[in-house]
Amino acid sequence: MAKITLEFDLETELNEVKEILDGYKWKIAVWELDQALRDTTKYDKSVLNQPKASDLEIEIAEKYRELIRDFLQTKNLSL
């Protein structure tokens, strides 16, 4: 089994260590945001506590899902 070892100087690189350890939390947060936008586009579920999403809300949700995908693609990341 392959292993990777990362070494940091905790006194000077504590923020970098925290960013690495929290990476999976960022992925989950972006995935949850994408799912909320998907609920709007697919099921007309409003994020504004309305019974149904408006056409404008659906259009905006679609655009933001595209934007998320573009950002991920430029960084060679995926959900």
N, C-alpha and C. Protein backbone atom coordinates (compact mmCIF):
# COMPACT_ATOMS: atom_id res chain seq x y z
N MET A 1 0.84 -1.18 0.00
CA MET A 1 0.00 0.00 0.00
C MET A 1 0.89 1.25 0.00
N ALA A 2 0.58 2.18 -0.90
CA ALA A 2 1.36 3.41 -1.00
C ALA A 2 0.99 4.36 0.14
N LYS A 3 1.97 5.12 0.59
CA LYS A 3 1.76 6.08 1.66
C LYS A 3 2.35 7.41 1.25
N ILE A 4 1.77 8.47 1.78
CA ILE A 4 2.28 9.82 1.57
C ILE A 4 2.53 10.42 2.95
N THR A 5 3.68 11.02 3.11
CA THR A 5 4.01 11.68 4.37
C THR A 5 4.21 13.17 4.09
N LEU A 6 3.49 13.99 4.83
CA LEU A 6 3.64 15.43 4.73
C LEU A 6 4.26 15.93 6.03
N GLU A 7 5.22 16.80 5.90
CA GLU A 7 5.86 17.35 7.09
C GLU A 7 5.68 18.86 7.12
N PHE A 8 5.32 19.36 8.30
CA PHE A 8 5.13 20.79 8.49
C PHE A 8 5.80 21.22 9.78
N ASP A 9 6.22 22.45 9.80
CA ASP A 9 6.69 23.07 11.02
C ASP A 9 5.46 23.72 11.65
N LEU A 10 4.94 23.12 12.71
CA LEU A 10 3.69 23.59 13.30
C LEU A 10 3.76 25.03 13.80
N GLU A 11 4.91 25.49 14.15
CA GLU A 11 5.02 26.85 14.65
C GLU A 11 4.79 27.87 13.55
N THR A 12 5.22 27.57 12.33
CA THR A 12 5.11 28.55 11.25
C THR A 12 4.08 28.18 10.19
N GLU A 13 3.65 26.93 10.15
CA GLU A 13 2.76 26.49 9.09
C GLU A 13 1.44 25.91 9.61
N LEU A 14 1.02 26.36 10.75
CA LEU A 14 -0.20 25.82 11.36
C LEU A 14 -1.43 26.05 10.48
N ASN A 15 -1.53 27.22 9.84
CA ASN A 15 -2.67 27.49 8.97
C ASN A 15 -2.71 26.54 7.79
N GLU A 16 -1.56 26.23 7.20
CA GLU A 16 -1.51 25.30 6.08
C GLU A 16 -1.95 23.90 6.50
N VAL A 17 -1.55 23.49 7.69
CA VAL A 17 -1.95 22.18 8.20
C VAL A 17 -3.46 22.12 8.37
N LYS A 18 -4.03 23.17 8.95
CA LYS A 18 -5.48 23.22 9.15
C LYS A 18 -6.20 23.18 7.80
N GLU A 19 -5.71 23.90 6.80
CA GLU A 19 -6.34 23.88 5.48
C GLU A 19 -6.33 22.48 4.88
N ILE A 20 -5.24 21.77 5.03
CA ILE A 20 -5.15 20.42 4.49
C ILE A 20 -6.10 19.49 5.23
N LEU A 21 -6.13 19.57 6.54
CA LEU A 21 -6.99 18.69 7.33
C LEU A 21 -8.47 19.00 7.13
N ASP A 22 -8.80 20.23 6.77
CA ASP A 22 -10.19 20.62 6.57
C ASP A 22 -10.64 20.49 5.12
N GLY A 23 -9.79 19.99 4.24
CA GLY A 23 -10.12 19.88 2.82
C GLY A 23 -11.40 19.11 2.56
N TYR A 24 -11.59 18.01 3.25
CA TYR A 24 -12.80 17.20 3.03
C TYR A 24 -14.04 17.96 3.47
N LYS A 25 -13.93 18.84 4.47
CA LYS A 25 -15.08 19.62 4.92
C LYS A 25 -15.50 20.61 3.83
N TRP A 26 -14.52 21.18 3.14
CA TRP A 26 -14.82 22.08 2.03
C TRP A 26 -15.54 21.32 0.92
N LYS A 27 -15.09 20.12 0.63
CA LYS A 27 -15.73 19.33 -0.41
C LYS A 27 -17.18 19.05 -0.05
N ILE A 28 -17.43 18.67 1.19
CA ILE A 28 -18.79 18.39 1.64
C ILE A 28 -19.65 19.65 1.57
N ALA A 29 -19.10 20.79 1.97
CA ALA A 29 -19.86 22.04 1.94
C ALA A 29 -20.24 22.42 0.51
N VAL A 30 -19.32 22.28 -0.44
CA VAL A 30 -19.61 22.61 -1.83
C VAL A 30 -20.63 21.62 -2.39
N TRP A 31 -20.50 20.34 -2.04
CA TRP A 31 -21.46 19.34 -2.48
C TRP A 31 -22.86 19.65 -1.96
N GLU A 32 -22.96 20.04 -0.68
CA GLU A 32 -24.26 20.37 -0.10
C GLU A 32 -24.87 21.60 -0.78
N LEU A 33 -24.04 22.60 -1.10
CA LEU A 33 -24.52 23.76 -1.83
C LEU A 33 -25.04 23.35 -3.21
N ASP A 34 -24.29 22.51 -3.91
CA ASP A 34 -24.71 22.03 -5.21
C ASP A 34 -26.03 21.27 -5.12
N GLN A 35 -26.20 20.47 -4.07
CA GLN A 35 -27.43 19.71 -3.91
C GLN A 35 -28.63 20.63 -3.64
N ALA A 36 -28.41 21.68 -2.87
CA ALA A 36 -29.49 22.64 -2.61
C ALA A 36 -29.90 23.33 -3.92
N LEU A 37 -28.92 23.69 -4.74
CA LEU A 37 -29.21 24.30 -6.03
C LEU A 37 -29.90 23.29 -6.95
N ARG A 38 -29.50 22.03 -6.88
CA ARG A 38 -30.13 20.99 -7.68
C ARG A 38 -31.59 20.82 -7.29
N ASP A 39 -31.88 20.86 -6.00
CA ASP A 39 -33.26 20.75 -5.55
C ASP A 39 -34.12 21.87 -6.16
N THR A 40 -33.52 23.04 -6.31
CA THR A 40 -34.24 24.15 -6.92
C THR A 40 -34.48 23.90 -8.40
N THR A 41 -33.45 23.45 -9.11
CA THR A 41 -33.58 23.27 -10.55
C THR A 41 -34.41 22.04 -10.91
N LYS A 42 -34.30 20.99 -10.13
CA LYS A 42 -34.98 19.74 -10.49
C LYS A 42 -36.39 19.63 -9.90
N TYR A 43 -36.55 20.09 -8.68
CA TYR A 43 -37.82 19.90 -7.98
C TYR A 43 -38.57 21.20 -7.71
N ASP A 44 -38.10 22.31 -8.26
CA ASP A 44 -38.71 23.63 -8.04
C ASP A 44 -38.78 23.98 -6.55
N LYS A 45 -37.82 23.49 -5.78
CA LYS A 45 -37.81 23.76 -4.34
C LYS A 45 -37.13 25.12 -4.11
N SER A 46 -37.83 26.00 -3.47
CA SER A 46 -37.31 27.34 -3.21
C SER A 46 -36.40 27.34 -1.99
N VAL A 47 -35.35 28.11 -2.06
CA VAL A 47 -34.48 28.29 -0.88
C VAL A 47 -34.92 29.52 -0.09
N LEU A 48 -35.99 30.16 -0.56
CA LEU A 48 -36.49 31.39 0.07
C LEU A 48 -37.74 31.15 0.90
N ASN A 49 -37.93 29.90 1.36
CA ASN A 49 -39.10 29.53 2.18
C ASN A 49 -40.42 29.83 1.47
N GLN A 50 -40.44 29.66 0.16
CA GLN A 50 -41.66 29.78 -0.63
C GLN A 50 -42.12 28.37 -1.00
N PRO A 51 -43.41 28.21 -1.31
CA PRO A 51 -43.89 26.88 -1.68
C PRO A 51 -43.22 26.33 -2.94
N LYS A 52 -42.89 27.22 -3.87
CA LYS A 52 -42.30 26.79 -5.13
C LYS A 52 -41.31 27.84 -5.60
N ALA A 53 -40.23 27.37 -6.23
CA ALA A 53 -39.21 28.30 -6.75
C ALA A 53 -39.76 29.07 -7.95
N SER A 54 -39.38 30.32 -8.04
CA SER A 54 -39.78 31.13 -9.20
C SER A 54 -38.90 30.76 -10.39
N ASP A 55 -39.31 31.17 -11.57
CA ASP A 55 -38.51 30.93 -12.76
C ASP A 55 -37.14 31.60 -12.64
N LEU A 56 -37.12 32.79 -12.07
CA LEU A 56 -35.84 33.49 -11.88
C LEU A 56 -34.94 32.72 -10.92
N GLU A 57 -35.51 32.23 -9.84
CA GLU A 57 -34.73 31.47 -8.86
C GLU A 57 -34.14 30.20 -9.50
N ILE A 58 -34.93 29.53 -10.33
CA ILE A 58 -34.45 28.33 -11.02
C ILE A 58 -33.33 28.68 -11.98
N GLU A 59 -33.48 29.77 -12.71
CA GLU A 59 -32.45 30.21 -13.65
C GLU A 59 -31.15 30.55 -12.93
N ILE A 60 -31.26 31.24 -11.82
CA ILE A 60 -30.07 31.60 -11.04
C ILE A 60 -29.40 30.35 -10.48
N ALA A 61 -30.18 29.42 -9.97
CA ALA A 61 -29.63 28.16 -9.43
C ALA A 61 -28.87 27.41 -10.52
N GLU A 62 -29.43 27.35 -11.73
CA GLU A 62 -28.74 26.68 -12.84
C GLU A 62 -27.41 27.35 -13.14
N LYS A 63 -27.40 28.67 -13.17
CA LYS A 63 -26.17 29.41 -13.46
C LYS A 63 -25.12 29.16 -12.38
N TYR A 64 -25.53 29.14 -11.11
CA TYR A 64 -24.57 28.90 -10.04
C TYR A 64 -24.04 27.47 -10.04
N ARG A 65 -24.87 26.51 -10.42
CA ARG A 65 -24.38 25.13 -10.55
C ARG A 65 -23.32 25.06 -11.65
N GLU A 66 -23.57 25.75 -12.76
CA GLU A 66 -22.59 25.80 -13.84
C GLU A 66 -21.30 26.46 -13.36
N LEU A 67 -21.43 27.53 -12.62
CA LEU A 67 -20.26 28.25 -12.11
C LEU A 67 -19.43 27.37 -11.17
N ILE A 68 -20.10 26.64 -10.29
CA ILE A 68 -19.40 25.71 -9.39
C ILE A 68 -18.63 24.69 -10.22
N ARG A 69 -19.28 24.11 -11.22
CA ARG A 69 -18.62 23.10 -12.06
C ARG A 69 -17.42 23.69 -12.81
N ASP A 70 -17.56 24.92 -13.29
CA ASP A 70 -16.44 25.57 -13.98
C ASP A 70 -15.26 25.78 -13.04
N PHE A 71 -15.54 26.27 -11.82
CA PHE A 71 -14.47 26.47 -10.84
C PHE A 71 -13.76 25.15 -10.53
N LEU A 72 -14.54 24.11 -10.31
CA LEU A 72 -13.96 22.80 -10.00
C LEU A 72 -13.12 22.28 -11.17
N GLN A 73 -13.64 22.44 -12.38
CA GLN A 73 -12.92 21.94 -13.55
C GLN A 73 -11.59 22.66 -13.74
N THR A 74 -11.55 23.97 -13.52
CA THR A 74 -10.30 24.70 -13.70
C THR A 74 -9.25 24.29 -12.67
N LYS A 75 -9.69 23.77 -11.52
CA LYS A 75 -8.77 23.29 -10.48
C LYS A 75 -8.57 21.78 -10.55
N ASN A 76 -9.15 21.16 -11.59
CA ASN A 76 -9.05 19.70 -11.77
C ASN A 76 -9.62 18.95 -10.57
N LEU A 77 -10.80 19.42 -10.11
CA LEU A 77 -11.48 18.80 -8.97
C LEU A 77 -12.85 18.32 -9.41
N SER A 78 -13.42 17.41 -8.63
CA SER A 78 -14.78 16.95 -8.91
C SER A 78 -15.50 16.67 -7.62
N LEU A 79 -16.81 16.69 -7.70
CA LEU A 79 -17.63 16.32 -6.54
C LEU A 79 -17.89 14.85 -6.60
